[in-house]
Amino acid sequence: MKETRKKYDSNPDFDFMFITDQRSSPENVYNDLVEKQELKNTHRITNDDFNQLRQLFRFNGIPRYVVIDAKGDVMNDNFEMHNFEFELGKLFPSYISQK
């Protein structure tokens, strides 16, 4: 999704955040991925904190894409990133029509 992130890098309406746990992402592998993918807003959290997120969003593996609005409300807890623009348009119809 590197190209999608680059395309929307300067968009003021949304941002991408990446969260993983220490067990699933050994530090050297994690650091390499962050560098190669030019990731911003990355968080490698404790296993306990990650398990709390898993319970909150009811997922078993990564990647998992969640859309949260500016108020902190979950808009989509299983966003289909492979079809980013179409799915974004379903959540924000006025955004797509303005492109």
PDB file of N, CA and C in Angstrom:
ATOM      1  N   MET A   1       0.807  -1.189   0.000  1.00  0.00           N
ATOM      2  CA  MET A   1       0.000   0.000   0.000  1.00  0.00           C
ATOM      3  C   MET A   1       0.864   1.272   0.000  1.00  0.00           C
ATOM      4  N   LYS A   2       2.130   1.090  -0.258  1.00  0.00           N
ATOM      5  CA  LYS A   2       3.066   2.222  -0.243  1.00  0.00           C
ATOM      6  C   LYS A   2       2.640   3.312  -1.222  1.00  0.00           C
ATOM      7  N   GLU A   3       2.228   2.926  -2.413  1.00  0.00           N
ATOM      8  CA  GLU A   3       1.832   3.920  -3.410  1.00  0.00           C
ATOM      9  C   GLU A   3       0.566   4.658  -2.988  1.00  0.00           C
ATOM     10  N   THR A   4      -0.369   3.967  -2.373  1.00  0.00           N
ATOM     11  CA  THR A   4      -1.590   4.619  -1.876  1.00  0.00           C
ATOM     12  C   THR A   4      -1.238   5.633  -0.799  1.00  0.00           C
ATOM     13  N   ARG A   5      -0.354   5.248   0.109  1.00  0.00           N
ATOM     14  CA  ARG A   5       0.051   6.189   1.168  1.00  0.00           C
ATOM     15  C   ARG A   5       0.726   7.411   0.578  1.00  0.00           C
ATOM     16  N   LYS A   6       1.577   7.206  -0.420  1.00  0.00           N
ATOM     17  CA  LYS A   6       2.255   8.338  -1.053  1.00  0.00           C
ATOM     18  C   LYS A   6       1.246   9.268  -1.729  1.00  0.00           C
ATOM     19  N   LYS A   7       0.278   8.685  -2.396  1.00  0.00           N
ATOM     20  CA  LYS A   7      -0.726   9.469  -3.112  1.00  0.00           C
ATOM     21  C   LYS A   7      -1.488  10.396  -2.163  1.00  0.00           C
ATOM     22  N   TYR A   8      -1.753   9.931  -0.965  1.00  0.00           N
ATOM     23  CA  TYR A   8      -2.555  10.694  -0.006  1.00  0.00           C
ATOM     24  C   TYR A   8      -1.724  11.296   1.117  1.00  0.00           C
ATOM     25  N   ASP A   9      -0.432  11.336   0.944  1.00  0.00           N
ATOM     26  CA  ASP A   9       0.471  11.791   2.003  1.00  0.00           C
ATOM     27  C   ASP A   9       0.155  13.195   2.519  1.00  0.00           C
ATOM     28  N   SER A  10      -0.202  14.109   1.654  1.00  0.00           N
ATOM     29  CA  SER A  10      -0.428  15.489   2.087  1.00  0.00           C
ATOM     30  C   SER A  10      -1.908  15.793   2.324  1.00  0.00           C
ATOM     31  N   ASN A  11      -2.749  14.772   2.314  1.00  0.00           N
ATOM     32  CA  ASN A  11      -4.176  14.984   2.534  1.00  0.00           C
ATOM     33  C   ASN A  11      -4.423  15.367   3.992  1.00  0.00           C
ATOM     34  N   PRO A  12      -5.058  16.511   4.244  1.00  0.00           N
ATOM     35  CA  PRO A  12      -5.281  16.943   5.623  1.00  0.00           C
ATOM     36  C   PRO A  12      -6.451  16.241   6.303  1.00  0.00           C
ATOM     37  N   ASP A  13      -7.245  15.470   5.548  1.00  0.00           N
ATOM     38  CA  ASP A  13      -8.454  14.875   6.102  1.00  0.00           C
ATOM     39  C   ASP A  13      -8.250  13.519   6.761  1.00  0.00           C
ATOM     40  N   PHE A  14      -7.174  12.836   6.439  1.00  0.00           N
ATOM     41  CA  PHE A  14      -6.936  11.545   7.075  1.00  0.00           C
ATOM     42  C   PHE A  14      -5.452  11.215   7.046  1.00  0.00           C
ATOM     43  N   ASP A  15      -5.106  10.216   7.854  1.00  0.00           N
ATOM     44  CA  ASP A  15      -3.725   9.783   7.954  1.00  0.00           C
ATOM     45  C   ASP A  15      -3.709   8.284   8.188  1.00  0.00           C
ATOM     46  N   PHE A  16      -2.581   7.676   8.000  1.00  0.00           N
ATOM     47  CA  PHE A  16      -2.397   6.249   8.216  1.00  0.00           C
ATOM     48  C   PHE A  16      -1.582   6.049   9.484  1.00  0.00           C
ATOM     49  N   MET A  17      -1.976   5.071  10.285  1.00  0.00           N
ATOM     50  CA  MET A  17      -1.249   4.721  11.491  1.00  0.00           C
ATOM     51  C   MET A  17      -1.027   3.210  11.466  1.00  0.00           C
ATOM     52  N   PHE A  18       0.135   2.793  11.932  1.00  0.00           N
ATOM     53  CA  PHE A  18       0.497   1.375  11.906  1.00  0.00           C
ATOM     54  C   PHE A  18       0.836   0.916  13.322  1.00  0.00           C
ATOM     55  N   ILE A  19       0.150  -0.148  13.737  1.00  0.00           N
ATOM     56  CA  ILE A  19       0.341  -0.679  15.089  1.00  0.00           C
ATOM     57  C   ILE A  19       0.634  -2.171  14.969  1.00  0.00           C
ATOM     58  N   THR A  20       1.654  -2.607  15.671  1.00  0.00           N
ATOM     59  CA  THR A  20       1.969  -4.033  15.736  1.00  0.00           C
ATOM     60  C   THR A  20       2.450  -4.350  17.151  1.00  0.00           C
ATOM     61  N   ASP A  21       2.622  -5.623  17.409  1.00  0.00           N
ATOM     62  CA  ASP A  21       3.083  -6.013  18.740  1.00  0.00           C
ATOM     63  C   ASP A  21       4.501  -6.556  18.673  1.00  0.00           C
ATOM     64  N   GLN A  22       5.129  -6.598  19.811  1.00  0.00           N
ATOM     65  CA  GLN A  22       6.522  -7.028  19.897  1.00  0.00           C
ATOM     66  C   GLN A  22       6.700  -8.491  19.516  1.00  0.00           C
ATOM     67  N   ARG A  23       5.728  -9.318  19.828  1.00  0.00           N
ATOM     68  CA  ARG A  23       5.856 -10.755  19.532  1.00  0.00           C
ATOM     69  C   ARG A  23       5.754 -11.020  18.028  1.00  0.00           C
ATOM     70  N   SER A  24       4.814 -10.369  17.349  1.00  0.00           N
ATOM     71  CA  SER A  24       4.618 -10.591  15.913  1.00  0.00           C
ATOM     72  C   SER A  24       5.668  -9.910  15.058  1.00  0.00           C
ATOM     73  N   SER A  25       6.262  -8.872  15.600  1.00  0.00           N
ATOM     74  CA  SER A  25       7.211  -8.068  14.824  1.00  0.00           C
ATOM     75  C   SER A  25       8.515  -7.883  15.583  1.00  0.00           C
ATOM     76  N   PRO A  26       9.436  -8.834  15.449  1.00  0.00           N
ATOM     77  CA  PRO A  26      10.741  -8.655  16.091  1.00  0.00           C
ATOM     78  C   PRO A  26      11.341  -7.318  15.664  1.00  0.00           C
ATOM     79  N   GLU A  27      12.053  -6.694  16.556  1.00  0.00           N
ATOM     80  CA  GLU A  27      12.514  -5.323  16.340  1.00  0.00           C
ATOM     81  C   GLU A  27      13.280  -5.126  15.033  1.00  0.00           C
ATOM     82  N   ASN A  28      14.200  -6.022  14.708  1.00  0.00           N
ATOM     83  CA  ASN A  28      14.982  -5.843  13.477  1.00  0.00           C
ATOM     84  C   ASN A  28      14.099  -5.956  12.231  1.00  0.00           C
ATOM     85  N   VAL A  29      13.148  -6.884  12.224  1.00  0.00           N
ATOM     86  CA  VAL A  29      12.220  -7.043  11.100  1.00  0.00           C
ATOM     87  C   VAL A  29      11.316  -5.814  10.999  1.00  0.00           C
ATOM     88  N   TYR A  30      10.837  -5.375  12.136  1.00  0.00           N
ATOM     89  CA  TYR A  30       9.968  -4.190  12.199  1.00  0.00           C
ATOM     90  C   TYR A  30      10.701  -2.955  11.667  1.00  0.00           C
ATOM     91  N   ASN A  31      11.903  -2.733  12.127  1.00  0.00           N
ATOM     92  CA  ASN A  31      12.670  -1.558  11.686  1.00  0.00           C
ATOM     93  C   ASN A  31      12.944  -1.597  10.183  1.00  0.00           C
ATOM     94  N   ASP A  32      13.262  -2.778   9.662  1.00  0.00           N
ATOM     95  CA  ASP A  32      13.483  -2.922   8.217  1.00  0.00           C
ATOM     96  C   ASP A  32      12.213  -2.590   7.430  1.00  0.00           C
ATOM     97  N   LEU A  33      11.085  -3.105   7.883  1.00  0.00           N
ATOM     98  CA  LEU A  33       9.821  -2.853   7.203  1.00  0.00           C
ATOM     99  C   LEU A  33       9.470  -1.364   7.227  1.00  0.00           C
ATOM    100  N   VAL A  34       9.629  -0.729   8.372  1.00  0.00           N
ATOM    101  CA  VAL A  34       9.347   0.703   8.491  1.00  0.00           C
ATOM    102  C   VAL A  34      10.190   1.489   7.498  1.00  0.00           C
ATOM    103  N   GLU A  35      11.448   1.126   7.400  1.00  0.00           N
ATOM    104  CA  GLU A  35      12.350   1.833   6.485  1.00  0.00           C
ATOM    105  C   GLU A  35      11.992   1.564   5.022  1.00  0.00           C
ATOM    106  N   LYS A  36      11.805   0.306   4.663  1.00  0.00           N
ATOM    107  CA  LYS A  36      11.521  -0.047   3.268  1.00  0.00           C
ATOM    108  C   LYS A  36      10.186   0.507   2.793  1.00  0.00           C
ATOM    109  N   GLN A  37       9.208   0.479   3.658  1.00  0.00           N
ATOM    110  CA  GLN A  37       7.880   0.949   3.282  1.00  0.00           C
ATOM    111  C   GLN A  37       7.680   2.449   3.546  1.00  0.00           C
ATOM    112  N   GLU A  38       8.720   3.085   4.122  1.00  0.00           N
ATOM    113  CA  GLU A  38       8.654   4.514   4.442  1.00  0.00           C
ATOM    114  C   GLU A  38       7.418   4.826   5.282  1.00  0.00           C
ATOM    115  N   LEU A  39       7.232   4.019   6.320  1.00  0.00           N
ATOM    116  CA  LEU A  39       6.069   4.163   7.184  1.00  0.00           C
ATOM    117  C   LEU A  39       6.245   5.323   8.157  1.00  0.00           C
ATOM    118  N   LYS A  40       5.157   6.022   8.389  1.00  0.00           N
ATOM    119  CA  LYS A  40       5.094   7.077   9.402  1.00  0.00           C
ATOM    120  C   LYS A  40       4.035   6.653  10.413  1.00  0.00           C
ATOM    121  N   ASN A  41       4.017   7.283  11.544  1.00  0.00           N
ATOM    122  CA  ASN A  41       3.008   6.992  12.570  1.00  0.00           C
ATOM    123  C   ASN A  41       2.992   5.507  12.926  1.00  0.00           C
ATOM    124  N   THR A  42       4.136   4.968  13.229  1.00  0.00           N
ATOM    125  CA  THR A  42       4.240   3.548  13.547  1.00  0.00           C
ATOM    126  C   THR A  42       4.372   3.352  15.056  1.00  0.00           C
ATOM    127  N   HIS A  43       3.773   2.260  15.519  1.00  0.00           N
ATOM    128  CA  HIS A  43       3.794   1.963  16.947  1.00  0.00           C
ATOM    129  C   HIS A  43       3.981   0.467  17.137  1.00  0.00           C
ATOM    130  N   ARG A  44       5.041   0.098  17.786  1.00  0.00           N
ATOM    131  CA  ARG A  44       5.316  -1.303  18.143  1.00  0.00           C
ATOM    132  C   ARG A  44       5.063  -1.401  19.633  1.00  0.00           C
ATOM    133  N   ILE A  45       3.930  -1.955  19.999  1.00  0.00           N
ATOM    134  CA  ILE A  45       3.469  -1.901  21.384  1.00  0.00           C
ATOM    135  C   ILE A  45       3.656  -3.244  22.090  1.00  0.00           C
ATOM    136  N   THR A  46       3.440  -3.218  23.388  1.00  0.00           N
ATOM    137  CA  THR A  46       3.590  -4.448  24.165  1.00  0.00           C
ATOM    138  C   THR A  46       2.534  -5.460  23.747  1.00  0.00           C
ATOM    139  N   ASN A  47       2.800  -6.700  24.028  1.00  0.00           N
ATOM    140  CA  ASN A  47       1.852  -7.767  23.703  1.00  0.00           C
ATOM    141  C   ASN A  47       0.541  -7.574  24.454  1.00  0.00           C
ATOM    142  N   ASP A  48       0.607  -7.132  25.708  1.00  0.00           N
ATOM    143  CA  ASP A  48      -0.612  -6.902  26.491  1.00  0.00           C
ATOM    144  C   ASP A  48      -1.465  -5.802  25.866  1.00  0.00           C
ATOM    145  N   ASP A  49      -0.832  -4.703  25.465  1.00  0.00           N
ATOM    146  CA  ASP A  49      -1.585  -3.616  24.826  1.00  0.00           C
ATOM    147  C   ASP A  49      -2.183  -4.081  23.502  1.00  0.00           C
ATOM    148  N   PHE A  50      -1.421  -4.860  22.761  1.00  0.00           N
ATOM    149  CA  PHE A  50      -1.913  -5.368  21.483  1.00  0.00           C
ATOM    150  C   PHE A  50      -3.099  -6.301  21.691  1.00  0.00           C
ATOM    151  N   ASN A  51      -3.038  -7.128  22.725  1.00  0.00           N
ATOM    152  CA  ASN A  51      -4.154  -8.029  23.020  1.00  0.00           C
ATOM    153  C   ASN A  51      -5.418  -7.244  23.369  1.00  0.00           C
ATOM    154  N   GLN A  52      -5.266  -6.112  24.019  1.00  0.00           N
ATOM    155  CA  GLN A  52      -6.430  -5.258  24.302  1.00  0.00           C
ATOM    156  C   GLN A  52      -7.036  -4.740  23.004  1.00  0.00           C
ATOM    157  N   LEU A  53      -6.197  -4.355  22.054  1.00  0.00           N
ATOM    158  CA  LEU A  53      -6.703  -3.914  20.752  1.00  0.00           C
ATOM    159  C   LEU A  53      -7.405  -5.070  20.028  1.00  0.00           C
ATOM    160  N   ARG A  54      -6.839  -6.252  20.111  1.00  0.00           N
ATOM    161  CA  ARG A  54      -7.453  -7.426  19.479  1.00  0.00           C
ATOM    162  C   ARG A  54      -8.834  -7.689  20.051  1.00  0.00           C
ATOM    163  N   GLN A  55      -8.976  -7.520  21.352  1.00  0.00           N
ATOM    164  CA  GLN A  55     -10.289  -7.720  21.967  1.00  0.00           C
ATOM    165  C   GLN A  55     -11.257  -6.605  21.561  1.00  0.00           C
ATOM    166  N   LEU A  56     -10.775  -5.398  21.510  1.00  0.00           N
ATOM    167  CA  LEU A  56     -11.614  -4.257  21.157  1.00  0.00           C
ATOM    168  C   LEU A  56     -12.133  -4.363  19.727  1.00  0.00           C
ATOM    169  N   PHE A  57     -11.252  -4.706  18.789  1.00  0.00           N
ATOM    170  CA  PHE A  57     -11.624  -4.762  17.377  1.00  0.00           C
ATOM    171  C   PHE A  57     -11.895  -6.177  16.872  1.00  0.00           C
ATOM    172  N   ARG A  58     -11.787  -7.175  17.753  1.00  0.00           N
ATOM    173  CA  ARG A  58     -12.106  -8.569  17.435  1.00  0.00           C
ATOM    174  C   ARG A  58     -11.394  -9.077  16.184  1.00  0.00           C
ATOM    175  N   PHE A  59     -10.083  -9.038  16.212  1.00  0.00           N
ATOM    176  CA  PHE A  59      -9.314  -9.579  15.097  1.00  0.00           C
ATOM    177  C   PHE A  59      -8.264 -10.545  15.616  1.00  0.00           C
ATOM    178  N   ASN A  60      -7.828 -11.427  14.712  1.00  0.00           N
ATOM    179  CA  ASN A  60      -6.839 -12.440  15.091  1.00  0.00           C
ATOM    180  C   ASN A  60      -5.476 -12.210  14.482  1.00  0.00           C
ATOM    181  N   GLY A  61      -5.389 -11.465  13.400  1.00  0.00           N
ATOM    182  CA  GLY A  61      -4.105 -11.304  12.741  1.00  0.00           C
ATOM    183  C   GLY A  61      -3.922  -9.919  12.165  1.00  0.00           C
ATOM    184  N   ILE A  62      -2.737  -9.707  11.647  1.00  0.00           N
ATOM    185  CA  ILE A  62      -2.425  -8.440  11.012  1.00  0.00           C
ATOM    186  C   ILE A  62      -2.066  -8.726   9.564  1.00  0.00           C
ATOM    187  N   PRO A  63      -2.303  -7.861   8.638  1.00  0.00           N
ATOM    188  CA  PRO A  63      -2.812  -6.517   8.881  1.00  0.00           C
ATOM    189  C   PRO A  63      -4.324  -6.491   9.068  1.00  0.00           C
ATOM    190  N   ARG A  64      -4.775  -5.516   9.807  1.00  0.00           N
ATOM    191  CA  ARG A  64      -6.196  -5.229  10.010  1.00  0.00           C
ATOM    192  C   ARG A  64      -6.342  -3.728   9.860  1.00  0.00           C
ATOM    193  N   TYR A  65      -7.267  -3.302   9.049  1.00  0.00           N
ATOM    194  CA  TYR A  65      -7.441  -1.887   8.768  1.00  0.00           C
ATOM    195  C   TYR A  65      -8.723  -1.392   9.424  1.00  0.00           C
ATOM    196  N   VAL A  66      -8.595  -0.323  10.196  1.00  0.00           N
ATOM    197  CA  VAL A  66      -9.712   0.257  10.928  1.00  0.00           C
ATOM    198  C   VAL A  66      -9.762   1.745  10.599  1.00  0.00           C
ATOM    199  N   VAL A  67     -10.974   2.258  10.337  1.00  0.00           N
ATOM    200  CA  VAL A  67     -11.150   3.683  10.073  1.00  0.00           C
ATOM    201  C   VAL A  67     -11.817   4.301  11.293  1.00  0.00           C
ATOM    202  N   ILE A  68     -11.155   5.314  11.847  1.00  0.00           N
ATOM    203  CA  ILE A  68     -11.658   6.018  13.023  1.00  0.00           C
ATOM    204  C   ILE A  68     -11.787   7.480  12.646  1.00  0.00           C
ATOM    205  N   ASP A  69     -12.945   8.088  12.971  1.00  0.00           N
ATOM    206  CA  ASP A  69     -13.140   9.489  12.597  1.00  0.00           C
ATOM    207  C   ASP A  69     -12.469  10.423  13.595  1.00  0.00           C
ATOM    208  N   ALA A  70     -12.541  11.709  13.322  1.00  0.00           N
ATOM    209  CA  ALA A  70     -11.857  12.717  14.139  1.00  0.00           C
ATOM    210  C   ALA A  70     -12.366  12.736  15.577  1.00  0.00           C
ATOM    211  N   LYS A  71     -13.591  12.257  15.804  1.00  0.00           N
ATOM    212  CA  LYS A  71     -14.157  12.218  17.160  1.00  0.00           C
ATOM    213  C   LYS A  71     -13.727  10.962  17.920  1.00  0.00           C
ATOM    214  N   GLY A  72     -13.074  10.036  17.215  1.00  0.00           N
ATOM    215  CA  GLY A  72     -12.645   8.789  17.845  1.00  0.00           C
ATOM    216  C   GLY A  72     -13.636   7.658  17.681  1.00  0.00           C
ATOM    217  N   ASP A  73     -14.681   7.869  16.875  1.00  0.00           N
ATOM    218  CA  ASP A  73     -15.666   6.824  16.637  1.00  0.00           C
ATOM    219  C   ASP A  73     -15.181   5.902  15.523  1.00  0.00           C
ATOM    220  N   VAL A  74     -15.403   4.613  15.705  1.00  0.00           N
ATOM    221  CA  VAL A  74     -15.018   3.632  14.690  1.00  0.00           C
ATOM    222  C   VAL A  74     -16.049   3.675  13.571  1.00  0.00           C
ATOM    223  N   MET A  75     -15.580   3.964  12.364  1.00  0.00           N
ATOM    224  CA  MET A  75     -16.461   4.008  11.192  1.00  0.00           C
ATOM    225  C   MET A  75     -16.483   2.673  10.460  1.00  0.00           C
ATOM    226  N   ASN A  76     -15.363   1.973  10.473  1.00  0.00           N
ATOM    227  CA  ASN A  76     -15.266   0.672   9.819  1.00  0.00           C
ATOM    228  C   ASN A  76     -14.141  -0.083  10.516  1.00  0.00           C
ATOM    229  N   ASP A  77     -14.483  -1.208  11.132  1.00  0.00           N
ATOM    230  CA  ASP A  77     -13.456  -1.948  11.871  1.00  0.00           C
ATOM    231  C   ASP A  77     -12.852  -3.093  11.065  1.00  0.00           C
ATOM    232  N   ASN A  78     -13.164  -3.131   9.771  1.00  0.00           N
ATOM    233  CA  ASN A  78     -12.563  -4.137   8.891  1.00  0.00           C
ATOM    234  C   ASN A  78     -12.485  -3.562   7.474  1.00  0.00           C
ATOM    235  N   PHE A  79     -11.821  -2.430   7.359  1.00  0.00           N
ATOM    236  CA  PHE A  79     -11.705  -1.698   6.100  1.00  0.00           C
ATOM    237  C   PHE A  79     -10.947  -2.520   5.070  1.00  0.00           C
ATOM    238  N   GLU A  80     -11.477  -2.578   3.849  1.00  0.00           N
ATOM    239  CA  GLU A  80     -10.847  -3.343   2.773  1.00  0.00           C
ATOM    240  C   GLU A  80      -9.828  -2.472   2.050  1.00  0.00           C
ATOM    241  N   MET A  81      -8.609  -2.494   2.527  1.00  0.00           N
ATOM    242  CA  MET A  81      -7.553  -1.619   2.024  1.00  0.00           C
ATOM    243  C   MET A  81      -7.206  -1.901   0.567  1.00  0.00           C
ATOM    244  N   HIS A  82      -7.374  -3.120   0.118  1.00  0.00           N
ATOM    245  CA  HIS A  82      -7.036  -3.455  -1.271  1.00  0.00           C
ATOM    246  C   HIS A  82      -7.908  -2.697  -2.276  1.00  0.00           C
ATOM    247  N   ASN A  83      -9.031  -2.190  -1.821  1.00  0.00           N
ATOM    248  CA  ASN A  83      -9.956  -1.436  -2.668  1.00  0.00           C
ATOM    249  C   ASN A  83     -10.153  -0.048  -2.054  1.00  0.00           C
ATOM    250  N   PHE A  84      -9.046   0.595  -1.728  1.00  0.00           N
ATOM    251  CA  PHE A  84      -9.009   1.798  -0.909  1.00  0.00           C
ATOM    252  C   PHE A  84      -9.961   2.905  -1.375  1.00  0.00           C
ATOM    253  N   GLU A  85      -9.846   3.349  -2.600  1.00  0.00           N
ATOM    254  CA  GLU A  85     -10.641   4.498  -3.047  1.00  0.00           C
ATOM    255  C   GLU A  85     -12.129   4.191  -3.076  1.00  0.00           C
ATOM    256  N   PHE A  86     -12.507   2.998  -3.502  1.00  0.00           N
ATOM    257  CA  PHE A  86     -13.915   2.616  -3.500  1.00  0.00           C
ATOM    258  C   PHE A  86     -14.461   2.591  -2.072  1.00  0.00           C
ATOM    259  N   GLU A  87     -13.734   1.957  -1.172  1.00  0.00           N
ATOM    260  CA  GLU A  87     -14.171   1.862   0.222  1.00  0.00           C
ATOM    261  C   GLU A  87     -14.188   3.239   0.896  1.00  0.00           C
ATOM    262  N   LEU A  88     -13.203   4.065   0.583  1.00  0.00           N
ATOM    263  CA  LEU A  88     -13.167   5.425   1.128  1.00  0.00           C
ATOM    264  C   LEU A  88     -14.396   6.199   0.663  1.00  0.00           C
ATOM    265  N   GLY A  89     -14.768   6.027  -0.596  1.00  0.00           N
ATOM    266  CA  GLY A  89     -15.946   6.695  -1.141  1.00  0.00           C
ATOM    267  C   GLY A  89     -17.238   6.273  -0.469  1.00  0.00           C
ATOM    268  N   LYS A  90     -17.310   5.032  -0.005  1.00  0.00           N
ATOM    269  CA  LYS A  90     -18.499   4.578   0.718  1.00  0.00           C
ATOM    270  C   LYS A  90     -18.618   5.276   2.066  1.00  0.00           C
ATOM    271  N   LEU A  91     -17.491   5.544   2.699  1.00  0.00           N
ATOM    272  CA  LEU A  91     -17.508   6.218   4.001  1.00  0.00           C
ATOM    273  C   LEU A  91     -17.627   7.733   3.870  1.00  0.00           C
ATOM    274  N   PHE A  92     -16.995   8.279   2.827  1.00  0.00           N
ATOM    275  CA  PHE A  92     -16.955   9.718   2.621  1.00  0.00           C
ATOM    276  C   PHE A  92     -17.346  10.045   1.182  1.00  0.00           C
ATOM    277  N   PRO A  93     -18.628   9.929   0.817  1.00  0.00           N
ATOM    278  CA  PRO A  93     -19.031  10.161  -0.572  1.00  0.00           C
ATOM    279  C   PRO A  93     -18.644  11.537  -1.096  1.00  0.00           C
ATOM    280  N   SER A  94     -18.717  12.545  -0.265  1.00  0.00           N
ATOM    281  CA  SER A  94     -18.391  13.893  -0.733  1.00  0.00           C
ATOM    282  C   SER A  94     -16.891  14.025  -1.029  1.00  0.00           C
ATOM    283  N   TYR A  95     -16.065  13.254  -0.358  1.00  0.00           N
ATOM    284  CA  TYR A  95     -14.637  13.321  -0.595  1.00  0.00           C
ATOM    285  C   TYR A  95     -14.312  12.852  -2.012  1.00  0.00           C
ATOM    286  N   ILE A  96     -14.856  11.741  -2.415  1.00  0.00           N
ATOM    287  CA  ILE A  96     -14.568  11.170  -3.734  1.00  0.00           C
ATOM    288  C   ILE A  96     -15.112  12.068  -4.832  1.00  0.00           C
ATOM    289  N   SER A  97     -16.275  12.658  -4.634  1.00  0.00           N
ATOM    290  CA  SER A  97     -16.845  13.510  -5.665  1.00  0.00           C
ATOM    291  C   SER A  97     -16.054  14.800  -5.839  1.00  0.00           C
ATOM    292  N   GLN A  98     -15.225  15.156  -4.867  1.00  0.00           N
ATOM    293  CA  GLN A  98     -14.425  16.389  -4.945  1.00  0.00           C
ATOM    294  C   GLN A  98     -13.078  16.151  -5.615  1.00  0.00           C
ATOM    295  N   LYS A  99     -12.689  14.903  -5.835  1.00  0.00           N
ATOM    296  CA  LYS A  99     -11.364  14.600  -6.396  1.00  0.00           C
ATOM    297  C   LYS A  99     -11.192  15.141  -7.780  1.00  0.00           C
TER     298      LYS A  99
END
